[in-house]
Amino acid sequence: MNHKFKIGDSKVLESREALDGTMIRRRRVTSDGKYRFTTYERIEMPSLMVKKRSGEREAFDRDKLVTSIRRSVGKFLNSELEVEEVVEKAMDILYEFGTETVTSEQIGEAVLEVLSEMNEVAYVRYSSVFRKFKTLDEFEEIIRKQRKKASTRKGDKSCV
């Protein structure tokens, strides 16, 4: 799709901050009034490098992470917004390390940390792909651990 206008030639009609405060949505109109469109502004964080299992290094690719989550968890996340939420929270965890380079293992563990709180089935599915499960025993073990975590969380809530 090739448009004959530039963002710089437009006026902002309305600005709204996203509910989580990480993005600004702007409704805009071209200077001639013909086209209306929406832009999103997001805080740009420093670039991350990923040290892969092979020892190779590459630039962190957000889209690659989104794709891996979609493939691994299937339809156990209800929307693209939930996938984005997982990615954002996982990236927050990665930036908390305070380093420019993270390992692929750290990325996978960050995603698992987020999924364990959001959706148990998605957590198990992602675990099976990330950890390359080969036996039913591996599934049983991760389910047993997840159930233990869930019962601990429920116990914590009842004490409050």
Protein backbone atom coordinates (compact mmCIF):
# COMPACT_ATOMS: atom_id res chain seq x y z
CA MET A 1 0.00 0.00 0.00
CA ASN A 2 1.61 3.25 -1.11
CA HIS A 3 0.19 6.44 0.42
CA LYS A 4 0.66 9.90 -1.09
CA PHE A 5 0.99 11.63 2.28
CA LYS A 6 3.57 11.95 5.01
CA ILE A 7 3.04 11.82 8.74
CA GLY A 8 4.72 15.21 9.00
CA ASP A 9 1.95 16.68 6.82
CA SER A 10 -0.73 15.65 9.32
CA LYS A 11 -2.40 17.08 12.39
CA VAL A 12 -3.09 15.25 15.64
CA LEU A 13 -6.82 15.00 16.36
CA GLU A 14 -6.61 13.04 19.59
CA SER A 15 -3.93 11.48 21.81
CA ARG A 16 -4.48 8.72 24.35
CA GLU A 17 -2.09 6.93 26.62
CA ALA A 18 -2.40 3.14 26.60
CA LEU A 19 -3.86 1.64 29.77
CA ASP A 20 -0.49 0.31 30.89
CA GLY A 21 1.23 3.64 30.21
CA THR A 22 3.78 2.22 27.78
CA MET A 23 2.38 3.62 24.56
CA ILE A 24 0.61 6.68 23.16
CA ARG A 25 -2.05 6.31 20.46
CA ARG A 26 -2.60 9.31 18.21
CA ARG A 27 -5.49 9.79 15.75
CA ARG A 28 -4.30 11.98 12.91
CA VAL A 29 -5.63 13.60 9.74
CA THR A 30 -3.68 14.67 6.66
CA SER A 31 -3.34 18.42 6.08
CA ASP A 32 -5.86 18.22 3.21
CA GLY A 33 -8.36 16.33 5.40
CA LYS A 34 -8.60 13.34 3.00
CA TYR A 35 -7.05 10.64 5.16
CA ARG A 36 -7.35 9.70 8.80
CA PHE A 37 -4.95 7.26 10.40
CA THR A 38 -3.55 6.15 13.74
CA THR A 39 0.04 6.16 14.93
CA TYR A 40 1.49 4.55 18.04
CA GLU A 41 4.47 5.80 19.99
CA ARG A 42 6.36 3.38 22.18
CA ILE A 43 9.39 3.96 24.37
CA GLU A 44 12.43 2.71 22.51
CA MET A 45 14.69 0.70 24.75
CA PRO A 46 18.37 0.05 24.03
CA SER A 47 19.03 -2.81 21.63
CA LEU A 48 19.63 -6.23 23.11
CA MET A 49 22.00 -8.85 21.75
CA VAL A 50 21.21 -12.54 22.11
CA LYS A 51 23.83 -15.17 22.79
CA LYS A 52 22.42 -18.34 21.30
CA ARG A 53 23.02 -21.89 22.51
CA SER A 54 25.52 -22.34 19.68
CA GLY A 55 27.57 -19.41 21.04
CA GLU A 56 26.59 -17.24 18.08
CA ARG A 57 25.41 -13.68 18.80
CA GLU A 58 22.63 -11.84 17.01
CA ALA A 59 20.42 -8.80 17.52
CA PHE A 60 17.28 -9.44 19.57
CA ASP A 61 14.31 -9.82 17.24
CA ARG A 62 10.98 -9.01 18.89
CA ASP A 63 9.00 -10.41 15.96
CA LYS A 64 10.86 -13.71 16.26
CA LEU A 65 9.82 -13.94 19.93
CA VAL A 66 6.19 -13.15 19.06
CA THR A 67 6.22 -15.88 16.40
CA SER A 68 7.75 -18.45 18.75
CA ILE A 69 5.13 -17.72 21.40
CA ARG A 70 2.27 -17.97 18.89
CA ARG A 71 3.57 -21.29 17.52
CA SER A 72 4.24 -22.79 20.93
CA VAL A 73 1.06 -21.89 22.76
CA GLY A 74 -1.41 -22.11 19.89
CA LYS A 75 -4.80 -20.71 20.78
CA PHE A 76 -4.32 -20.84 24.53
CA LEU A 77 -3.79 -17.09 24.56
CA ASN A 78 -7.05 -15.39 23.64
CA SER A 79 -5.76 -12.54 21.49
CA GLU A 80 -2.82 -10.77 19.93
CA LEU A 81 -2.99 -8.37 22.87
CA GLU A 82 -2.23 -11.24 25.25
CA VAL A 83 0.74 -12.30 23.11
CA GLU A 84 1.97 -8.68 23.17
CA GLU A 85 1.50 -8.59 26.93
CA VAL A 86 3.66 -11.72 27.33
CA VAL A 87 6.38 -10.20 25.12
CA GLU A 88 6.31 -6.84 26.94
CA LYS A 89 6.51 -8.44 30.39
CA ALA A 90 9.25 -10.84 29.29
CA MET A 91 11.24 -7.94 27.83
CA ASP A 92 10.83 -6.02 31.10
CA ILE A 93 12.39 -9.01 32.88
CA LEU A 94 15.26 -9.09 30.37
CA TYR A 95 15.98 -5.36 30.74
CA GLU A 96 16.05 -5.78 34.53
CA PHE A 97 19.27 -7.82 34.06
CA GLY A 98 20.93 -4.53 33.15
CA THR A 99 23.11 -6.02 30.42
CA GLU A 100 23.25 -5.52 26.67
CA THR A 101 23.49 -9.27 26.02
CA VAL A 102 21.06 -11.94 27.15
CA THR A 103 21.06 -15.65 26.42
CA SER A 104 18.35 -17.49 24.56
CA GLU A 105 17.83 -19.45 27.80
CA GLN A 106 17.16 -16.21 29.71
CA ILE A 107 14.61 -15.20 27.07
CA GLY A 108 12.81 -18.55 27.32
CA GLU A 109 12.82 -18.46 31.12
CA ALA A 110 11.42 -14.89 31.09
CA VAL A 111 8.57 -15.99 28.82
CA LEU A 112 7.90 -18.98 31.08
CA GLU A 113 7.82 -16.74 34.15
CA VAL A 114 5.14 -14.59 32.52
CA LEU A 115 3.12 -17.54 31.16
CA SER A 116 3.15 -19.33 34.52
CA GLU A 117 1.09 -16.45 35.91
CA MET A 118 -1.17 -15.98 32.87
CA ASN A 119 -2.15 -19.36 31.48
CA GLU A 120 -1.13 -22.78 32.79
CA VAL A 121 -1.71 -24.67 29.55
CA ALA A 122 0.24 -22.10 27.52
CA TYR A 123 3.01 -22.41 30.11
CA VAL A 124 3.19 -26.20 29.69
CA ARG A 125 3.10 -25.95 25.90
CA TYR A 126 5.84 -23.33 25.77
CA SER A 127 7.90 -25.37 28.27
CA SER A 128 7.65 -28.45 26.10
CA VAL A 129 8.97 -26.58 23.06
CA PHE A 130 11.59 -24.49 24.88
CA ARG A 131 12.94 -27.43 26.87
CA LYS A 132 12.50 -29.89 23.98
CA PHE A 133 10.46 -32.49 25.86
CA LYS A 134 10.86 -36.02 24.56
CA THR A 135 8.86 -38.06 27.09
CA LEU A 136 5.56 -37.97 28.92
CA ASP A 137 7.50 -37.96 32.18
CA GLU A 138 8.82 -34.50 31.30
CA PHE A 139 5.25 -33.26 30.79
CA GLU A 140 4.13 -34.83 34.05
CA GLU A 141 7.00 -33.22 35.95
CA ILE A 142 6.32 -29.71 34.63
CA ILE A 143 2.58 -30.12 35.32
CA ARG A 144 3.34 -31.31 38.87
CA LYS A 145 5.59 -28.26 39.46
CA GLN A 146 3.00 -25.89 38.02
CA ARG A 147 0.24 -27.36 40.19
CA LYS A 148 2.45 -26.93 43.26
CA LYS A 149 3.06 -23.26 42.34
CA ALA A 150 -0.67 -22.71 41.76
CA SER A 151 -1.63 -24.24 45.09
CA THR A 152 1.02 -22.11 46.84
CA ARG A 153 -0.40 -18.97 45.21
CA LYS A 154 -3.94 -19.93 46.24
CA GLY A 155 -2.70 -20.56 49.77
CA ASP A 156 -1.04 -17.15 49.84
CA LYS A 157 -4.28 -15.46 48.77
CA SER A 158 -6.33 -17.19 51.45
CA CYS A 159 -3.91 -15.97 54.15
CA VAL A 160 -4.48 -12.33 53.23
